[in-house]
């Protein structure tokens, strides 16, 4: 059987690894690096949907190949949904996640409500049409970071139903809860109906 190829419009190797762990043998996911595309795509919009669409549209216009992109935000309820779409650059344009974590913990200091959710939006361009898929993982922000796995805000986020942070889980454990897994599962389900 010929594997369906999909370019994943990201330079984030952590995200590539997570998506590949979900798709398994169903699809051949090709990162920008593997596709030989060296480009840093801007995320200028104020919604996850628009940023995901921007990234997949840029790569599709370059390659004319089926591709997808995702944008993910951590939405903290008592911070009015921040950092949200600005999650990677919450503490500045350096994309330094330790600074981002420090700022969230500082902004949550003294707040009783520490509920939050990760939300992932995937934009798929398939045969020149665009489709969106969304995955949400609800949980809480803890006071002190724990764990060394994963990336981003994983050391301070415990998903509902677990006592571990994402950073204390291996990939298999994280995929039981992951927002990215939920969105990717919808993507795979859609593609199986198309093939």
N, C-alpha and C. Protein backbone atom coordinates (compact mmCIF):
# COMPACT_ATOMS: atom_id res chain seq x y z
N UNK A 1 0.84 -1.19 0.00
CA UNK A 1 0.00 0.00 0.00
C UNK A 1 0.88 1.26 0.00
N UNK A 2 0.52 2.18 -0.85
CA UNK A 2 1.30 3.42 -0.94
C UNK A 2 0.90 4.35 0.20
N UNK A 3 1.90 4.78 0.96
CA UNK A 3 1.62 5.67 2.09
C UNK A 3 1.31 7.08 1.60
N UNK A 4 0.30 7.69 2.19
CA UNK A 4 -0.03 9.07 1.87
C UNK A 4 0.96 10.00 2.55
N UNK A 5 1.55 10.88 1.77
CA UNK A 5 2.52 11.83 2.31
C UNK A 5 1.83 13.15 2.66
N UNK A 6 2.23 13.69 3.81
CA UNK A 6 1.71 14.98 4.24
C UNK A 6 2.87 15.79 4.79
N UNK A 7 3.05 17.01 4.30
CA UNK A 7 4.07 17.88 4.86
C UNK A 7 3.50 18.55 6.11
N UNK A 8 4.25 18.50 7.20
CA UNK A 8 3.85 19.15 8.44
C UNK A 8 4.58 20.49 8.52
N UNK A 9 3.82 21.56 8.40
CA UNK A 9 4.40 22.91 8.31
C UNK A 9 4.83 23.42 9.69
N UNK A 10 5.94 22.87 10.19
CA UNK A 10 6.48 23.33 11.46
C UNK A 10 7.98 23.13 11.49
N UNK A 11 8.66 23.95 12.29
CA UNK A 11 10.09 23.75 12.56
C UNK A 11 10.30 23.19 13.97
N UNK A 12 9.20 22.90 14.66
CA UNK A 12 9.28 22.43 16.04
C UNK A 12 9.39 20.91 16.05
N UNK A 13 10.60 20.41 16.32
CA UNK A 13 10.84 18.96 16.27
C UNK A 13 10.05 18.21 17.34
N UNK A 14 9.76 18.88 18.49
CA UNK A 14 8.94 18.24 19.52
C UNK A 14 7.54 17.93 18.98
N UNK A 15 6.98 18.89 18.24
CA UNK A 15 5.64 18.69 17.67
C UNK A 15 5.66 17.58 16.61
N UNK A 16 6.72 17.57 15.81
CA UNK A 16 6.86 16.53 14.77
C UNK A 16 6.87 15.15 15.44
N UNK A 17 7.64 15.03 16.51
CA UNK A 17 7.76 13.75 17.23
C UNK A 17 6.41 13.33 17.80
N UNK A 18 5.68 14.28 18.39
CA UNK A 18 4.36 13.95 18.97
C UNK A 18 3.38 13.51 17.89
N UNK A 19 3.33 14.24 16.78
CA UNK A 19 2.39 13.89 15.71
C UNK A 19 2.75 12.53 15.13
N UNK A 20 4.03 12.29 14.89
CA UNK A 20 4.45 11.00 14.31
C UNK A 20 4.11 9.84 15.25
N UNK A 21 4.14 10.08 16.56
CA UNK A 21 3.82 9.01 17.52
C UNK A 21 2.33 8.66 17.45
N UNK A 22 1.52 9.60 16.98
CA UNK A 22 0.07 9.36 16.88
C UNK A 22 -0.28 8.69 15.55
N UNK A 23 0.30 9.18 14.45
CA UNK A 23 -0.11 8.67 13.13
C UNK A 23 0.42 7.27 12.87
N UNK A 24 1.54 6.90 13.53
CA UNK A 24 2.07 5.55 13.34
C UNK A 24 2.33 5.27 11.87
N UNK A 25 1.76 4.14 11.40
CA UNK A 25 1.99 3.72 10.01
C UNK A 25 0.89 4.19 9.07
N UNK A 26 -0.02 5.03 9.58
CA UNK A 26 -1.16 5.45 8.75
C UNK A 26 -0.76 6.45 7.67
N UNK A 27 0.22 7.29 7.98
CA UNK A 27 0.60 8.38 7.09
C UNK A 27 2.11 8.55 7.13
N UNK A 28 2.64 9.14 6.09
CA UNK A 28 4.05 9.52 6.11
C UNK A 28 4.09 11.03 6.33
N UNK A 29 4.40 11.42 7.56
CA UNK A 29 4.47 12.84 7.91
C UNK A 29 5.90 13.33 7.66
N UNK A 30 6.01 14.37 6.88
CA UNK A 30 7.32 14.92 6.51
C UNK A 30 7.45 16.31 7.11
N UNK A 31 8.46 16.51 7.93
CA UNK A 31 8.68 17.83 8.53
C UNK A 31 9.24 18.78 7.47
N UNK A 32 9.23 20.06 7.77
CA UNK A 32 9.81 21.04 6.85
C UNK A 32 11.28 20.71 6.58
N UNK A 33 12.01 20.34 7.64
CA UNK A 33 13.43 20.01 7.48
C UNK A 33 13.60 18.82 6.53
N UNK A 34 12.75 17.79 6.71
CA UNK A 34 12.83 16.60 5.85
C UNK A 34 12.43 16.92 4.41
N UNK A 35 11.58 17.94 4.26
CA UNK A 35 11.15 18.34 2.91
C UNK A 35 12.15 19.32 2.28
N UNK A 36 13.19 19.67 3.06
CA UNK A 36 14.21 20.60 2.54
C UNK A 36 13.73 22.04 2.47
N UNK A 37 12.73 22.37 3.30
CA UNK A 37 12.19 23.73 3.30
C UNK A 37 12.71 24.46 4.53
N UNK A 38 13.49 25.49 4.30
CA UNK A 38 14.06 26.26 5.41
C UNK A 38 13.37 27.62 5.45
N UNK A 39 12.31 27.68 6.23
CA UNK A 39 11.52 28.92 6.27
C UNK A 39 10.92 29.05 7.67
N UNK A 40 10.92 30.25 8.18
CA UNK A 40 10.28 30.51 9.47
C UNK A 40 9.01 31.30 9.17
N UNK A 41 7.87 30.66 9.35
CA UNK A 41 6.60 31.27 8.98
C UNK A 41 6.07 32.11 10.15
N UNK A 42 5.69 33.32 9.86
CA UNK A 42 5.17 34.21 10.90
C UNK A 42 3.81 33.72 11.40
N UNK A 43 3.52 34.05 12.65
CA UNK A 43 2.21 33.75 13.24
C UNK A 43 1.60 35.07 13.71
N UNK A 44 1.15 35.89 12.76
CA UNK A 44 0.76 37.27 13.09
C UNK A 44 -0.67 37.43 13.60
N UNK A 45 -1.44 36.37 13.59
CA UNK A 45 -2.89 36.51 13.83
C UNK A 45 -3.24 36.37 15.31
N UNK A 46 -4.50 36.71 15.63
CA UNK A 46 -4.91 36.67 17.03
C UNK A 46 -5.80 35.47 17.35
N UNK A 47 -5.85 34.48 16.44
CA UNK A 47 -6.53 33.22 16.76
C UNK A 47 -5.63 32.06 16.34
N UNK A 48 -5.80 30.94 17.03
CA UNK A 48 -5.06 29.72 16.69
C UNK A 48 -5.42 29.27 15.28
N UNK A 49 -6.72 29.38 14.94
CA UNK A 49 -7.19 28.95 13.62
C UNK A 49 -6.48 29.71 12.50
N UNK A 50 -6.38 31.04 12.65
CA UNK A 50 -5.78 31.87 11.60
C UNK A 50 -4.28 31.60 11.48
N UNK A 51 -3.61 31.39 12.62
CA UNK A 51 -2.18 31.09 12.56
C UNK A 51 -1.91 29.73 11.92
N UNK A 52 -2.71 28.74 12.27
CA UNK A 52 -2.56 27.42 11.66
C UNK A 52 -2.78 27.51 10.15
N UNK A 53 -3.80 28.25 9.76
CA UNK A 53 -4.12 28.43 8.35
C UNK A 53 -3.00 29.15 7.61
N UNK A 54 -2.42 30.15 8.25
CA UNK A 54 -1.30 30.90 7.65
C UNK A 54 -0.14 29.96 7.31
N UNK A 55 0.21 29.10 8.27
CA UNK A 55 1.36 28.22 8.08
C UNK A 55 1.10 27.19 6.99
N UNK A 56 -0.07 26.56 7.00
CA UNK A 56 -0.34 25.55 5.98
C UNK A 56 -0.48 26.20 4.60
N UNK A 57 -1.06 27.39 4.54
CA UNK A 57 -1.24 28.09 3.26
C UNK A 57 0.10 28.46 2.63
N UNK A 58 1.04 28.93 3.48
CA UNK A 58 2.37 29.31 2.96
C UNK A 58 3.06 28.09 2.36
N UNK A 59 3.03 26.97 3.08
CA UNK A 59 3.71 25.76 2.59
C UNK A 59 2.99 25.20 1.36
N UNK A 60 1.68 25.27 1.35
CA UNK A 60 0.94 24.77 0.17
C UNK A 60 1.24 25.61 -1.06
N UNK A 61 1.33 26.92 -0.88
CA UNK A 61 1.61 27.77 -2.05
C UNK A 61 3.04 27.54 -2.55
N UNK A 62 3.95 27.17 -1.64
CA UNK A 62 5.33 26.86 -2.06
C UNK A 62 5.44 25.52 -2.78
N UNK A 63 4.74 24.51 -2.25
CA UNK A 63 4.96 23.13 -2.72
C UNK A 63 3.85 22.58 -3.60
N UNK A 64 2.64 23.13 -3.47
CA UNK A 64 1.43 22.61 -4.13
C UNK A 64 1.11 21.18 -3.67
N UNK A 65 1.65 20.80 -2.50
CA UNK A 65 1.42 19.44 -1.99
C UNK A 65 0.46 19.50 -0.80
N UNK A 66 -0.18 18.37 -0.54
CA UNK A 66 -1.03 18.26 0.65
C UNK A 66 -0.18 18.51 1.89
N UNK A 67 -0.69 19.31 2.79
CA UNK A 67 0.09 19.64 3.98
C UNK A 67 -0.85 20.03 5.12
N UNK A 68 -0.27 20.10 6.31
CA UNK A 68 -1.06 20.57 7.45
C UNK A 68 -0.15 21.32 8.40
N UNK A 69 -0.80 22.09 9.26
CA UNK A 69 -0.09 22.83 10.28
C UNK A 69 -0.96 22.84 11.52
N UNK A 70 -0.34 23.17 12.64
CA UNK A 70 -1.16 23.32 13.84
C UNK A 70 -0.67 24.51 14.63
N UNK A 71 -1.57 25.05 15.42
CA UNK A 71 -1.18 26.07 16.39
C UNK A 71 -1.83 25.66 17.71
N UNK A 72 -1.06 25.79 18.77
CA UNK A 72 -1.51 25.36 20.08
C UNK A 72 -1.36 26.50 21.07
N UNK A 73 -2.33 26.63 21.94
CA UNK A 73 -2.24 27.64 22.99
C UNK A 73 -2.61 27.05 24.33
N UNK A 74 -1.97 27.58 25.36
CA UNK A 74 -2.38 27.28 26.74
C UNK A 74 -3.30 28.41 27.16
N UNK A 75 -4.52 28.07 27.55
CA UNK A 75 -5.51 29.06 27.93
C UNK A 75 -5.81 28.93 29.43
N UNK A 76 -5.37 29.93 30.20
CA UNK A 76 -5.53 29.89 31.66
C UNK A 76 -6.74 30.75 32.02
N UNK A 77 -7.71 30.13 32.69
CA UNK A 77 -9.00 30.80 32.89
C UNK A 77 -8.90 32.08 33.71
N UNK A 78 -8.14 32.05 34.81
CA UNK A 78 -8.08 33.26 35.64
C UNK A 78 -7.17 34.34 35.04
N UNK A 79 -6.52 34.03 33.91
CA UNK A 79 -5.76 35.05 33.18
C UNK A 79 -6.50 35.45 31.90
N UNK A 80 -7.82 35.27 31.94
CA UNK A 80 -8.69 35.62 30.79
C UNK A 80 -8.28 34.93 29.50
N UNK A 81 -7.84 33.67 29.62
CA UNK A 81 -7.48 32.90 28.43
C UNK A 81 -6.05 33.08 27.97
N UNK A 82 -5.28 33.94 28.65
CA UNK A 82 -3.86 34.10 28.30
C UNK A 82 -3.10 32.86 28.79
N UNK A 83 -1.95 32.57 28.18
CA UNK A 83 -1.32 33.27 27.06
C UNK A 83 -1.95 32.98 25.70
N UNK A 84 -2.74 31.91 25.59
CA UNK A 84 -3.47 31.64 24.35
C UNK A 84 -2.60 31.62 23.12
N UNK A 85 -2.99 32.44 22.15
CA UNK A 85 -2.30 32.46 20.86
C UNK A 85 -0.85 32.95 21.00
N UNK A 86 -0.56 33.61 22.10
CA UNK A 86 0.80 34.13 22.34
C UNK A 86 1.64 33.17 23.20
N UNK A 87 1.23 31.92 23.29
CA UNK A 87 1.87 30.98 24.22
C UNK A 87 3.38 30.86 24.04
N UNK A 88 3.85 30.80 22.79
CA UNK A 88 5.29 30.64 22.55
C UNK A 88 6.08 31.91 22.89
N UNK A 89 5.40 33.04 22.84
CA UNK A 89 6.10 34.32 23.03
C UNK A 89 5.54 35.10 24.22
N UNK A 90 5.01 34.40 25.19
CA UNK A 90 4.33 35.04 26.31
C UNK A 90 5.24 36.02 27.05
N UNK A 91 6.49 35.62 27.27
CA UNK A 91 7.43 36.48 28.01
C UNK A 91 8.34 37.27 27.08
N UNK A 92 8.01 37.29 25.78
CA UNK A 92 8.84 38.02 24.81
C UNK A 92 9.10 37.20 23.57
N UNK A 93 9.71 37.83 22.58
CA UNK A 93 9.89 37.19 21.28
C UNK A 93 10.96 36.10 21.25
N UNK A 94 11.65 35.92 22.36
CA UNK A 94 12.73 34.93 22.39
C UNK A 94 12.26 33.49 22.42
N UNK A 95 10.94 33.26 22.60
CA UNK A 95 10.38 31.91 22.70
C UNK A 95 11.10 31.09 23.78
N UNK A 96 11.38 31.72 24.89
CA UNK A 96 12.07 31.04 25.98
C UNK A 96 11.03 30.50 26.95
N UNK A 97 10.86 29.17 26.93
CA UNK A 97 9.76 28.60 27.70
C UNK A 97 9.97 28.69 29.20
N UNK A 98 11.22 28.73 29.66
CA UNK A 98 11.42 28.90 31.10
C UNK A 98 10.92 30.28 31.55
N UNK A 99 11.21 31.29 30.74
CA UNK A 99 10.68 32.64 31.05
C UNK A 99 9.16 32.66 30.98
N UNK A 100 8.60 31.97 29.99
CA UNK A 100 7.13 31.89 29.86
C UNK A 100 6.51 31.25 31.10
N UNK A 101 7.11 30.13 31.54
CA UNK A 101 6.61 29.42 32.72
C UNK A 101 6.69 30.33 33.94
N UNK A 102 7.84 30.99 34.11
CA UNK A 102 8.02 31.88 35.26
C UNK A 102 6.96 32.97 35.29
N UNK A 103 6.64 33.53 34.09
CA UNK A 103 5.67 34.61 34.01
C UNK A 103 4.27 34.12 34.36
N UNK A 104 3.91 32.93 33.87
CA UNK A 104 2.58 32.38 34.20
C UNK A 104 2.47 32.16 35.70
N UNK A 105 3.50 31.54 36.30
CA UNK A 105 3.46 31.25 37.74
C UNK A 105 3.37 32.55 38.54
N UNK A 106 4.09 33.55 38.07
CA UNK A 106 4.06 34.88 38.72
C UNK A 106 2.67 35.49 38.61
N UNK A 107 2.07 35.43 37.41
CA UNK A 107 0.75 36.02 37.20
C UNK A 107 -0.37 35.27 37.93
N UNK A 108 -0.11 34.00 38.24
CA UNK A 108 -1.12 33.19 38.96
C UNK A 108 -0.93 33.24 40.48
N UNK A 109 0.13 33.88 40.91
CA UNK A 109 0.44 33.93 42.34
C UNK A 109 -0.75 34.49 43.12
N UNK A 110 -1.18 33.73 44.12
CA UNK A 110 -2.30 34.17 44.96
C UNK A 110 -3.66 33.88 44.39
N UNK A 111 -3.74 33.37 43.15
CA UNK A 111 -5.06 33.07 42.56
C UNK A 111 -5.47 31.64 42.92
N UNK A 112 -6.72 31.50 43.34
CA UNK A 112 -7.23 30.17 43.72
C UNK A 112 -7.56 29.32 42.49
N UNK A 113 -8.15 29.95 41.49
CA UNK A 113 -8.53 29.21 40.29
C UNK A 113 -7.31 29.04 39.38
N UNK A 114 -6.84 27.80 39.26
CA UNK A 114 -5.66 27.53 38.42
C UNK A 114 -6.04 26.60 37.26
N UNK A 115 -7.34 26.55 36.93
CA UNK A 115 -7.76 25.71 35.81
C UNK A 115 -7.28 26.31 34.50
N UNK A 116 -7.00 25.42 33.56
CA UNK A 116 -6.48 25.84 32.26
C UNK A 116 -6.80 24.76 31.25
N UNK A 117 -6.58 25.08 29.99
CA UNK A 117 -6.69 24.05 28.96
C UNK A 117 -5.68 24.31 27.86
N UNK A 118 -5.19 23.22 27.29
CA UNK A 118 -4.42 23.31 26.06
C UNK A 118 -5.40 23.12 24.92
N UNK A 119 -5.26 23.95 23.89
CA UNK A 119 -6.12 23.80 22.71
C UNK A 119 -5.25 23.79 21.48
N UNK A 120 -5.45 22.77 20.65
CA UNK A 120 -4.72 22.64 19.39
C UNK A 120 -5.70 22.75 18.23
N UNK A 121 -5.34 23.54 17.24
CA UNK A 121 -6.12 23.63 16.01
C UNK A 121 -5.22 23.22 14.85
N UNK A 122 -5.68 22.23 14.08
CA UNK A 122 -4.95 21.79 12.88
C UNK A 122 -5.65 22.34 11.65
N UNK A 123 -4.85 22.89 10.75
CA UNK A 123 -5.34 23.30 9.43
C UNK A 123 -4.74 22.32 8.42
N UNK A 124 -5.60 21.61 7.72
CA UNK A 124 -5.18 20.66 6.69
C UNK A 124 -5.56 21.21 5.33
N UNK A 125 -4.59 21.24 4.44
CA UNK A 125 -4.93 21.56 3.04
C UNK A 125 -4.79 20.26 2.25
N UNK A 126 -5.94 19.78 1.79
CA UNK A 126 -6.04 18.47 1.15
C UNK A 126 -6.74 18.65 -0.19
N UNK A 127 -6.04 18.33 -1.25
CA UNK A 127 -6.60 18.51 -2.60
C UNK A 127 -7.15 19.92 -2.79
N UNK A 128 -6.38 20.90 -2.33
CA UNK A 128 -6.66 22.34 -2.51
C UNK A 128 -7.84 22.85 -1.67
N UNK A 129 -8.37 22.03 -0.77
CA UNK A 129 -9.41 22.49 0.15
C UNK A 129 -8.85 22.50 1.57
N UNK A 130 -9.35 23.42 2.40
CA UNK A 130 -8.85 23.52 3.77
C UNK A 130 -9.88 22.97 4.76
N UNK A 131 -9.37 22.21 5.73
CA UNK A 131 -10.21 21.62 6.78
C UNK A 131 -9.57 21.90 8.14
N UNK A 132 -10.40 22.05 9.16
CA UNK A 132 -9.89 22.32 10.51
C UNK A 132 -10.30 21.21 11.48
N UNK A 133 -9.40 20.93 12.42
CA UNK A 133 -9.65 19.94 13.47
C UNK A 133 -9.15 20.53 14.79
N UNK A 134 -9.90 20.26 15.86
CA UNK A 134 -9.53 20.86 17.15
C UNK A 134 -9.47 19.80 18.24
N UNK A 135 -8.47 19.95 19.12
CA UNK A 135 -8.37 19.07 20.28
C UNK A 135 -8.16 19.91 21.53
N UNK A 136 -8.84 19.54 22.62
CA UNK A 136 -8.74 20.29 23.89
C UNK A 136 -8.38 19.33 25.01
N UNK A 137 -7.48 19.76 25.87
CA UNK A 137 -7.15 19.00 27.08
C UNK A 137 -7.28 19.94 28.28
N UNK A 138 -8.22 19.64 29.17
CA UNK A 138 -8.44 20.48 30.35
C UNK A 138 -7.56 19.98 31.51
N UNK A 139 -7.17 20.92 32.38
CA UNK A 139 -6.35 20.55 33.52
C UNK A 139 -6.11 21.72 34.45
N UNK A 140 -5.00 21.65 35.17
CA UNK A 140 -4.66 22.69 36.15
C UNK A 140 -3.18 23.04 36.07
N UNK A 141 -2.89 24.29 36.44
CA UNK A 141 -1.50 24.76 36.53
C UNK A 141 -1.03 24.58 37.97
N UNK A 142 0.08 23.86 38.15
CA UNK A 142 0.59 23.65 39.51
C UNK A 142 1.52 24.80 39.90
N UNK A 143 1.90 24.82 41.17
CA UNK A 143 2.67 25.95 41.71
C UNK A 143 4.16 25.82 41.39
N UNK A 144 4.67 24.57 41.39
CA UNK A 144 6.10 24.34 41.15
C UNK A 144 6.26 23.35 40.01
N UNK A 145 7.13 23.64 39.07
CA UNK A 145 7.25 22.75 37.92
C UNK A 145 7.86 21.41 38.28
N UNK A 146 7.41 20.37 37.56
CA UNK A 146 7.87 19.01 37.80
C UNK A 146 8.06 18.28 36.48
N UNK A 147 9.15 17.50 36.39
CA UNK A 147 9.37 16.64 35.23
C UNK A 147 10.28 17.27 34.20
N UNK A 148 10.82 16.41 33.34
CA UNK A 148 11.79 16.89 32.33
C UNK A 148 11.46 16.42 30.92
N UNK A 149 10.34 15.73 30.76
CA UNK A 149 9.93 15.29 29.42
C UNK A 149 9.17 16.42 28.73
N UNK A 150 8.82 16.18 27.46
CA UNK A 150 7.98 17.12 26.74
C UNK A 150 8.66 18.46 26.49
N UNK A 151 7.87 19.51 26.38
CA UNK A 151 8.40 20.84 26.07
C UNK A 151 7.37 21.88 26.46
N UNK A 152 7.76 23.13 26.34
CA UNK A 152 6.82 24.21 26.60
C UNK A 152 6.34 24.24 28.04
N UNK A 153 5.02 24.31 28.21
CA UNK A 153 4.42 24.43 29.53
C UNK A 153 4.19 23.08 30.22
N UNK A 154 4.67 21.99 29.61
CA UNK A 154 4.41 20.65 30.15
C UNK A 154 4.77 20.48 31.63
N UNK A 155 5.85 21.13 32.15
CA UNK A 155 6.20 20.91 33.57
C UNK A 155 5.23 21.52 34.58
N UNK A 156 4.31 22.39 34.14
CA UNK A 156 3.39 23.00 35.11
C UNK A 156 1.93 22.64 34.84
N UNK A 157 1.68 21.72 33.90
CA UNK A 157 0.29 21.39 33.53
C UNK A 157 -0.02 19.94 33.89
N UNK A 158 -1.05 19.75 34.72
CA UNK A 158 -1.55 18.41 35.03
C UNK A 158 -2.92 18.25 34.37
N UNK A 159 -3.05 17.30 33.44
CA UNK A 159 -4.36 17.11 32.80
C UNK A 159 -5.36 16.50 33.77
N UNK A 160 -6.64 16.85 33.61
CA UNK A 160 -7.70 16.26 34.43
C UNK A 160 -7.62 14.73 34.33
N UNK A 161 -7.73 14.07 35.48
CA UNK A 161 -7.69 12.61 35.49
C UNK A 161 -6.32 12.04 35.78
N UNK A 162 -5.32 12.90 35.93
CA UNK A 162 -3.96 12.45 36.21
C UNK A 162 -3.40 13.18 37.44
N UNK A 163 -2.35 12.61 38.01
CA UNK A 163 -1.63 13.30 39.09
C UNK A 163 -0.26 13.74 38.60
N UNK A 164 0.07 13.39 37.35
CA UNK A 164 1.37 13.74 36.78
C UNK A 164 1.26 14.95 35.87
N UNK A 165 2.34 15.74 35.81
CA UNK A 165 2.40 16.78 34.79
C UNK A 165 2.72 16.11 33.45
N UNK A 166 2.46 16.81 32.36
CA UNK A 166 2.84 16.29 31.05
C UNK A 166 4.35 15.99 31.00
N UNK A 167 5.13 16.79 31.71
CA UNK A 167 6.59 16.62 31.69
C UNK A 167 7.05 15.41 32.50
N UNK A 168 6.13 14.81 33.26
CA UNK A 168 6.46 13.58 34.00
C UNK A 168 5.99 12.34 33.26
N UNK A 169 5.40 12.51 32.09
CA UNK A 169 4.85 11.39 31.33
C UNK A 169 5.74 11.04 30.15
N UNK A 170 5.73 9.75 29.78
CA UNK A 170 6.33 9.39 28.49
C UNK A 170 5.30 9.67 27.40
N UNK A 171 5.69 9.49 26.16
CA UNK A 171 4.81 9.85 25.03
C UNK A 171 3.50 9.07 25.06
N UNK A 172 3.60 7.79 25.41
CA UNK A 172 2.40 6.95 25.44
C UNK A 172 1.41 7.46 26.48
N UNK A 173 1.92 7.83 27.65
CA UNK A 173 1.05 8.36 28.71
C UNK A 173 0.45 9.70 28.29
N UNK A 174 1.29 10.56 27.74
CA UNK A 174 0.81 11.89 27.34
C UNK A 174 -0.29 11.78 26.29
N UNK A 175 -0.15 10.82 25.39
CA UNK A 175 -1.12 10.66 24.31
C UNK A 175 -2.50 10.23 24.81
N UNK A 176 -2.59 9.74 26.06
CA UNK A 176 -3.90 9.39 26.62
C UNK A 176 -4.73 10.65 26.88
N UNK A 177 -4.06 11.79 27.03
CA UNK A 177 -4.75 13.04 27.38
C UNK A 177 -4.60 14.13 26.32
N UNK A 178 -3.57 14.03 25.52
CA UNK A 178 -3.07 15.15 24.72
C UNK A 178 -4.08 15.78 23.77
N UNK A 179 -4.13 17.11 23.85
CA UNK A 179 -4.88 17.94 22.91
C UNK A 179 -4.41 17.71 21.47
N UNK A 180 -3.10 17.59 21.30
CA UNK A 180 -2.54 17.40 19.96
C UNK A 180 -2.94 16.03 19.41
N UNK A 181 -2.97 15.04 20.29
CA UNK A 181 -3.41 13.69 19.88
C UNK A 181 -4.87 13.71 19.46
N UNK A 182 -5.71 14.43 20.22
CA UNK A 182 -7.14 14.48 19.90
C UNK A 182 -7.37 15.10 18.52
N UNK A 183 -6.68 16.20 18.26
CA UNK A 183 -6.83 16.86 16.95
C UNK A 183 -6.27 15.99 15.83
N UNK A 184 -5.14 15.33 16.09
CA UNK A 184 -4.51 14.48 15.07
C UNK A 184 -5.36 13.26 14.77
N UNK A 185 -6.01 12.71 15.78
CA UNK A 185 -6.90 11.55 15.57
C UNK A 185 -8.04 11.93 14.64
N UNK A 186 -8.58 13.14 14.81
CA UNK A 186 -9.64 13.61 13.90
C UNK A 186 -9.11 13.76 12.48
N UNK A 187 -7.89 14.29 12.37
CA UNK A 187 -7.24 14.45 11.06
C UNK A 187 -7.11 13.09 10.37
N UNK A 188 -6.61 12.09 11.12
CA UNK A 188 -6.42 10.75 10.54
C UNK A 188 -7.77 10.15 10.13
N UNK A 189 -8.76 10.32 11.00
CA UNK A 189 -10.10 9.79 10.68
C UNK A 189 -10.63 10.41 9.38
N UNK A 190 -10.46 11.71 9.25
CA UNK A 190 -10.90 12.40 8.04
C UNK A 190 -10.17 11.83 6.82
N UNK A 191 -8.86 11.69 6.93
CA UNK A 191 -8.07 11.22 5.77
C UNK A 191 -8.45 9.79 5.38
N UNK A 192 -8.79 8.95 6.36
CA UNK A 192 -9.17 7.57 6.02
C UNK A 192 -10.48 7.56 5.22
N UNK A 193 -11.31 8.57 5.40
CA UNK A 193 -12.54 8.65 4.62
C UNK A 193 -12.28 9.16 3.20
N UNK A 194 -11.10 9.79 3.01
CA UNK A 194 -10.76 10.38 1.71
C UNK A 194 -9.96 9.44 0.81
N UNK A 195 -9.29 8.47 1.44
CA UNK A 195 -8.36 7.62 0.66
C UNK A 195 -9.05 6.44 0.02
